[in-house]
Amino acid sequence: MAKFLIKASYTNEGLQAIRAAGPTTRPKAVEELAASVGGKMEAFYFAFGDTDAYVIVDLPDNGAAAAIAGAVGSTNVVREYSTVVLMTPEEMEEALRRPVTYRPPGS
């Protein structure tokens, strides 16, 4: 399983729907969304500023994250949506230990 941070900003239509249904209904909906692709939601937070909601999910793979992004992005209730891959310190340590061959442009 892999962890992802989802950042979403709602349209006016989306905010009106949240107001009507109640903000406490969104975490349950996201739990069901994550479960539908074999994952689980770990955290859900509303925020103010450029991003309206931050969600951490544990999903089987990148394909599951892409499926969620496609489903959410195809609605009229979200104006901006992004997914960030999260790594544990141990995963980062492993990544930094991998040998890499790279030639920068112009070298």
N, C-alpha and C. Protein backbone atom coordinates (compact mmCIF):
# COMPACT_ATOMS: atom_id res chain seq x y z
N MET A 1 0.85 -1.18 0.00
CA MET A 1 0.00 0.00 0.00
C MET A 1 0.89 1.24 0.00
N ALA A 2 0.39 2.28 -0.62
CA ALA A 2 1.12 3.54 -0.71
C ALA A 2 0.24 4.66 -0.16
N LYS A 3 0.90 5.65 0.42
CA LYS A 3 0.17 6.78 1.00
C LYS A 3 0.19 7.97 0.04
N PHE A 4 -0.95 8.66 0.00
CA PHE A 4 -1.10 9.81 -0.86
C PHE A 4 -1.77 10.93 -0.08
N LEU A 5 -1.35 12.16 -0.37
CA LEU A 5 -2.01 13.35 0.14
C LEU A 5 -2.84 13.91 -1.01
N ILE A 6 -4.13 14.04 -0.77
CA ILE A 6 -5.02 14.62 -1.77
C ILE A 6 -5.37 16.02 -1.31
N LYS A 7 -5.22 16.98 -2.22
CA LYS A 7 -5.59 18.37 -1.94
C LYS A 7 -6.72 18.73 -2.89
N ALA A 8 -7.80 19.27 -2.34
CA ALA A 8 -8.96 19.61 -3.17
C ALA A 8 -9.48 20.99 -2.82
N SER A 9 -9.92 21.70 -3.84
CA SER A 9 -10.59 22.99 -3.68
C SER A 9 -11.94 22.88 -4.35
N TYR A 10 -12.97 23.27 -3.64
CA TYR A 10 -14.34 23.11 -4.12
C TYR A 10 -14.80 24.30 -4.95
N THR A 11 -15.70 24.03 -5.88
CA THR A 11 -16.39 25.09 -6.60
C THR A 11 -17.48 25.64 -5.68
N ASN A 12 -18.12 26.72 -6.08
CA ASN A 12 -19.24 27.24 -5.30
C ASN A 12 -20.33 26.19 -5.17
N GLU A 13 -20.57 25.44 -6.25
CA GLU A 13 -21.56 24.37 -6.23
C GLU A 13 -21.18 23.31 -5.19
N GLY A 14 -19.91 22.96 -5.15
CA GLY A 14 -19.45 21.97 -4.18
C GLY A 14 -19.60 22.46 -2.75
N LEU A 15 -19.26 23.72 -2.50
CA LEU A 15 -19.40 24.27 -1.15
C LEU A 15 -20.86 24.35 -0.73
N GLN A 16 -21.74 24.68 -1.66
CA GLN A 16 -23.17 24.70 -1.35
C GLN A 16 -23.67 23.30 -0.99
N ALA A 17 -23.20 22.29 -1.70
CA ALA A 17 -23.59 20.91 -1.42
C ALA A 17 -23.08 20.46 -0.05
N ILE A 18 -21.86 20.86 0.29
CA ILE A 18 -21.30 20.52 1.61
C ILE A 18 -22.11 21.21 2.70
N ARG A 19 -22.44 22.45 2.48
CA ARG A 19 -23.24 23.19 3.46
C ARG A 19 -24.60 22.51 3.67
N ALA A 20 -25.22 22.08 2.57
CA ALA A 20 -26.54 21.46 2.65
C ALA A 20 -26.50 20.10 3.36
N ALA A 21 -25.51 19.28 3.01
CA ALA A 21 -25.42 17.93 3.59
C ALA A 21 -24.75 17.93 4.95
N GLY A 22 -23.94 18.93 5.21
CA GLY A 22 -23.18 18.99 6.45
C GLY A 22 -21.75 18.53 6.23
N PRO A 23 -20.78 19.31 6.69
CA PRO A 23 -19.37 18.96 6.48
C PRO A 23 -18.97 17.60 7.05
N THR A 24 -19.64 17.14 8.08
CA THR A 24 -19.25 15.86 8.69
C THR A 24 -19.60 14.67 7.80
N THR A 25 -20.34 14.88 6.71
CA THR A 25 -20.65 13.77 5.80
C THR A 25 -19.50 13.47 4.85
N ARG A 26 -18.59 14.41 4.63
CA ARG A 26 -17.52 14.21 3.65
C ARG A 26 -16.52 13.13 4.04
N PRO A 27 -16.06 13.05 5.28
CA PRO A 27 -15.12 11.97 5.60
C PRO A 27 -15.69 10.59 5.30
N LYS A 28 -16.95 10.36 5.59
CA LYS A 28 -17.57 9.05 5.31
C LYS A 28 -17.57 8.78 3.80
N ALA A 29 -17.89 9.81 3.02
CA ALA A 29 -17.88 9.65 1.57
C ALA A 29 -16.48 9.32 1.05
N VAL A 30 -15.47 9.96 1.63
CA VAL A 30 -14.09 9.69 1.20
C VAL A 30 -13.64 8.31 1.67
N GLU A 31 -14.07 7.89 2.85
CA GLU A 31 -13.78 6.52 3.30
C GLU A 31 -14.33 5.51 2.31
N GLU A 32 -15.56 5.72 1.86
CA GLU A 32 -16.18 4.81 0.89
C GLU A 32 -15.45 4.86 -0.45
N LEU A 33 -15.04 6.05 -0.87
CA LEU A 33 -14.30 6.21 -2.12
C LEU A 33 -13.00 5.42 -2.06
N ALA A 34 -12.23 5.58 -0.99
CA ALA A 34 -10.97 4.86 -0.85
C ALA A 34 -11.19 3.35 -0.80
N ALA A 35 -12.20 2.93 -0.07
CA ALA A 35 -12.50 1.49 0.04
C ALA A 35 -12.88 0.90 -1.31
N SER A 36 -13.52 1.70 -2.16
CA SER A 36 -13.97 1.19 -3.46
C SER A 36 -12.81 0.80 -4.38
N VAL A 37 -11.60 1.30 -4.09
CA VAL A 37 -10.42 0.92 -4.88
C VAL A 37 -9.43 0.10 -4.04
N GLY A 38 -9.92 -0.41 -2.91
CA GLY A 38 -9.09 -1.27 -2.08
C GLY A 38 -8.22 -0.56 -1.07
N GLY A 39 -8.53 0.69 -0.78
CA GLY A 39 -7.71 1.46 0.16
C GLY A 39 -8.49 1.90 1.38
N LYS A 40 -7.88 2.82 2.13
CA LYS A 40 -8.56 3.37 3.30
C LYS A 40 -8.13 4.82 3.51
N MET A 41 -9.03 5.59 4.07
CA MET A 41 -8.73 6.98 4.40
C MET A 41 -8.10 7.01 5.78
N GLU A 42 -7.02 7.77 5.93
CA GLU A 42 -6.37 7.90 7.23
C GLU A 42 -6.73 9.21 7.92
N ALA A 43 -6.91 10.28 7.14
CA ALA A 43 -7.21 11.58 7.75
C ALA A 43 -7.95 12.45 6.74
N PHE A 44 -8.81 13.30 7.26
CA PHE A 44 -9.56 14.27 6.44
C PHE A 44 -9.62 15.57 7.22
N TYR A 45 -9.17 16.64 6.59
CA TYR A 45 -9.21 17.96 7.22
C TYR A 45 -9.73 19.00 6.24
N PHE A 46 -10.64 19.84 6.70
CA PHE A 46 -11.00 21.04 5.96
C PHE A 46 -9.98 22.11 6.32
N ALA A 47 -9.79 23.05 5.41
CA ALA A 47 -8.84 24.14 5.64
C ALA A 47 -9.38 25.38 4.95
N PHE A 48 -8.75 26.50 5.24
CA PHE A 48 -9.07 27.69 4.47
C PHE A 48 -7.80 28.20 3.83
N GLY A 49 -7.96 28.93 2.77
CA GLY A 49 -6.83 29.34 1.94
C GLY A 49 -7.05 28.82 0.54
N ASP A 50 -5.99 28.51 -0.16
CA ASP A 50 -6.11 28.03 -1.53
C ASP A 50 -6.69 26.62 -1.62
N THR A 51 -6.49 25.82 -0.60
CA THR A 51 -6.97 24.44 -0.59
C THR A 51 -8.05 24.30 0.47
N ASP A 52 -9.18 23.68 0.08
CA ASP A 52 -10.32 23.54 0.99
C ASP A 52 -10.28 22.27 1.82
N ALA A 53 -9.64 21.22 1.29
CA ALA A 53 -9.60 19.94 2.01
C ALA A 53 -8.28 19.24 1.76
N TYR A 54 -7.77 18.62 2.82
CA TYR A 54 -6.58 17.78 2.75
C TYR A 54 -6.97 16.39 3.24
N VAL A 55 -6.61 15.38 2.46
CA VAL A 55 -6.98 14.01 2.79
C VAL A 55 -5.75 13.13 2.65
N ILE A 56 -5.53 12.25 3.60
CA ILE A 56 -4.46 11.25 3.48
C ILE A 56 -5.13 9.90 3.31
N VAL A 57 -4.75 9.20 2.24
CA VAL A 57 -5.30 7.88 1.97
C VAL A 57 -4.17 6.88 1.80
N ASP A 58 -4.47 5.65 2.12
CA ASP A 58 -3.56 4.52 1.92
C ASP A 58 -4.19 3.69 0.82
N LEU A 59 -3.53 3.62 -0.34
CA LEU A 59 -4.10 2.96 -1.52
C LEU A 59 -3.16 1.87 -2.02
N PRO A 60 -3.72 0.90 -2.76
CA PRO A 60 -2.88 -0.20 -3.24
C PRO A 60 -1.76 0.23 -4.18
N ASP A 61 -2.01 1.25 -5.02
CA ASP A 61 -1.02 1.62 -6.02
C ASP A 61 -1.38 2.94 -6.68
N ASN A 62 -0.52 3.38 -7.61
CA ASN A 62 -0.76 4.62 -8.33
C ASN A 62 -2.03 4.56 -9.16
N GLY A 63 -2.35 3.39 -9.68
CA GLY A 63 -3.57 3.24 -10.48
C GLY A 63 -4.81 3.54 -9.67
N ALA A 64 -4.82 3.11 -8.41
CA ALA A 64 -5.97 3.40 -7.54
C ALA A 64 -6.07 4.91 -7.30
N ALA A 65 -4.92 5.56 -7.10
CA ALA A 65 -4.92 7.01 -6.91
C ALA A 65 -5.42 7.72 -8.16
N ALA A 66 -5.01 7.24 -9.33
CA ALA A 66 -5.46 7.83 -10.59
C ALA A 66 -6.96 7.62 -10.79
N ALA A 67 -7.46 6.46 -10.41
CA ALA A 67 -8.90 6.19 -10.53
C ALA A 67 -9.71 7.16 -9.67
N ILE A 68 -9.24 7.40 -8.45
CA ILE A 68 -9.91 8.36 -7.57
C ILE A 68 -9.85 9.76 -8.17
N ALA A 69 -8.69 10.15 -8.65
CA ALA A 69 -8.54 11.49 -9.24
C ALA A 69 -9.48 11.66 -10.42
N GLY A 70 -9.60 10.65 -11.24
CA GLY A 70 -10.51 10.72 -12.39
C GLY A 70 -11.96 10.84 -11.98
N ALA A 71 -12.34 10.08 -10.96
CA ALA A 71 -13.73 10.13 -10.50
C ALA A 71 -14.06 11.49 -9.90
N VAL A 72 -13.20 11.99 -9.04
CA VAL A 72 -13.44 13.27 -8.38
C VAL A 72 -13.33 14.42 -9.38
N GLY A 73 -12.32 14.36 -10.23
CA GLY A 73 -12.08 15.43 -11.19
C GLY A 73 -13.16 15.56 -12.26
N SER A 74 -13.93 14.51 -12.47
CA SER A 74 -14.96 14.55 -13.51
C SER A 74 -16.26 15.19 -13.02
N THR A 75 -16.29 15.63 -11.78
CA THR A 75 -17.49 16.27 -11.24
C THR A 75 -17.39 17.79 -11.37
N ASN A 76 -18.49 18.45 -11.09
CA ASN A 76 -18.51 19.91 -11.12
C ASN A 76 -18.34 20.52 -9.73
N VAL A 77 -17.96 19.71 -8.76
CA VAL A 77 -17.89 20.20 -7.38
C VAL A 77 -16.48 20.51 -6.92
N VAL A 78 -15.49 20.15 -7.72
CA VAL A 78 -14.10 20.42 -7.37
C VAL A 78 -13.47 21.25 -8.48
N ARG A 79 -12.85 22.38 -8.11
CA ARG A 79 -12.23 23.23 -9.14
C ARG A 79 -10.75 22.92 -9.28
N GLU A 80 -10.13 22.40 -8.24
CA GLU A 80 -8.71 22.05 -8.27
C GLU A 80 -8.51 20.80 -7.44
N TYR A 81 -7.68 19.89 -7.96
CA TYR A 81 -7.46 18.61 -7.30
C TYR A 81 -6.03 18.19 -7.60
N SER A 82 -5.30 17.77 -6.58
CA SER A 82 -3.96 17.24 -6.83
C SER A 82 -3.66 16.11 -5.86
N THR A 83 -2.80 15.23 -6.31
CA THR A 83 -2.40 14.07 -5.52
C THR A 83 -0.89 14.12 -5.34
N VAL A 84 -0.44 13.96 -4.11
CA VAL A 84 0.98 13.96 -3.78
C VAL A 84 1.33 12.59 -3.21
N VAL A 85 2.36 11.96 -3.76
CA VAL A 85 2.83 10.68 -3.21
C VAL A 85 3.59 10.97 -1.92
N LEU A 86 3.26 10.26 -0.87
CA LEU A 86 3.94 10.42 0.41
C LEU A 86 4.89 9.25 0.64
N MET A 87 6.03 9.54 1.24
CA MET A 87 7.02 8.50 1.54
C MET A 87 7.42 8.58 3.00
N THR A 88 7.63 7.43 3.59
CA THR A 88 8.14 7.38 4.96
C THR A 88 9.63 7.73 4.93
N PRO A 89 10.21 8.09 6.06
CA PRO A 89 11.65 8.32 6.10
C PRO A 89 12.44 7.09 5.63
N GLU A 90 11.96 5.92 5.96
CA GLU A 90 12.64 4.69 5.55
C GLU A 90 12.60 4.51 4.03
N GLU A 91 11.45 4.83 3.43
CA GLU A 91 11.35 4.74 1.97
C GLU A 91 12.28 5.74 1.29
N MET A 92 12.38 6.92 1.88
CA MET A 92 13.28 7.94 1.32
C MET A 92 14.73 7.50 1.46
N GLU A 93 15.06 6.91 2.59
CA GLU A 93 16.42 6.42 2.79
C GLU A 93 16.77 5.37 1.74
N GLU A 94 15.84 4.45 1.51
CA GLU A 94 16.05 3.42 0.50
C GLU A 94 16.22 4.05 -0.89
N ALA A 95 15.41 5.04 -1.20
CA ALA A 95 15.50 5.70 -2.50
C ALA A 95 16.85 6.38 -2.68
N LEU A 96 17.33 7.04 -1.63
CA LEU A 96 18.60 7.75 -1.73
C LEU A 96 19.80 6.81 -1.84
N ARG A 97 19.62 5.57 -1.42
CA ARG A 97 20.70 4.59 -1.52
C ARG A 97 20.79 3.95 -2.89
N ARG A 98 19.77 4.09 -3.71
CA ARG A 98 19.77 3.45 -5.02
C ARG A 98 20.77 4.13 -5.95
N PRO A 99 21.54 3.33 -6.65
CA PRO A 99 22.47 3.92 -7.62
C PRO A 99 21.68 4.48 -8.81
N VAL A 100 22.08 5.67 -9.24
CA VAL A 100 21.40 6.34 -10.34
C VAL A 100 22.44 6.86 -11.32
N THR A 101 22.18 6.67 -12.60
CA THR A 101 23.02 7.24 -13.63
C THR A 101 22.23 8.36 -14.28
N TYR A 102 22.81 9.55 -14.28
CA TYR A 102 22.13 10.73 -14.84
C TYR A 102 23.13 11.66 -15.46
N ARG A 103 22.80 12.18 -16.63
CA ARG A 103 23.64 13.15 -17.30
C ARG A 103 22.80 14.40 -17.51
N PRO A 104 23.13 15.51 -16.83
CA PRO A 104 22.35 16.73 -17.00
C PRO A 104 22.47 17.30 -18.40
N PRO A 105 21.51 18.07 -18.85
CA PRO A 105 21.59 18.70 -20.16
C PRO A 105 22.87 19.53 -20.28
N GLY A 106 23.51 19.46 -21.41
CA GLY A 106 24.72 20.24 -21.67
C GLY A 106 25.99 19.63 -21.14
N SER A 107 25.92 18.46 -20.54
CA SER A 107 27.16 17.87 -20.00
C SER A 107 27.68 16.79 -20.93
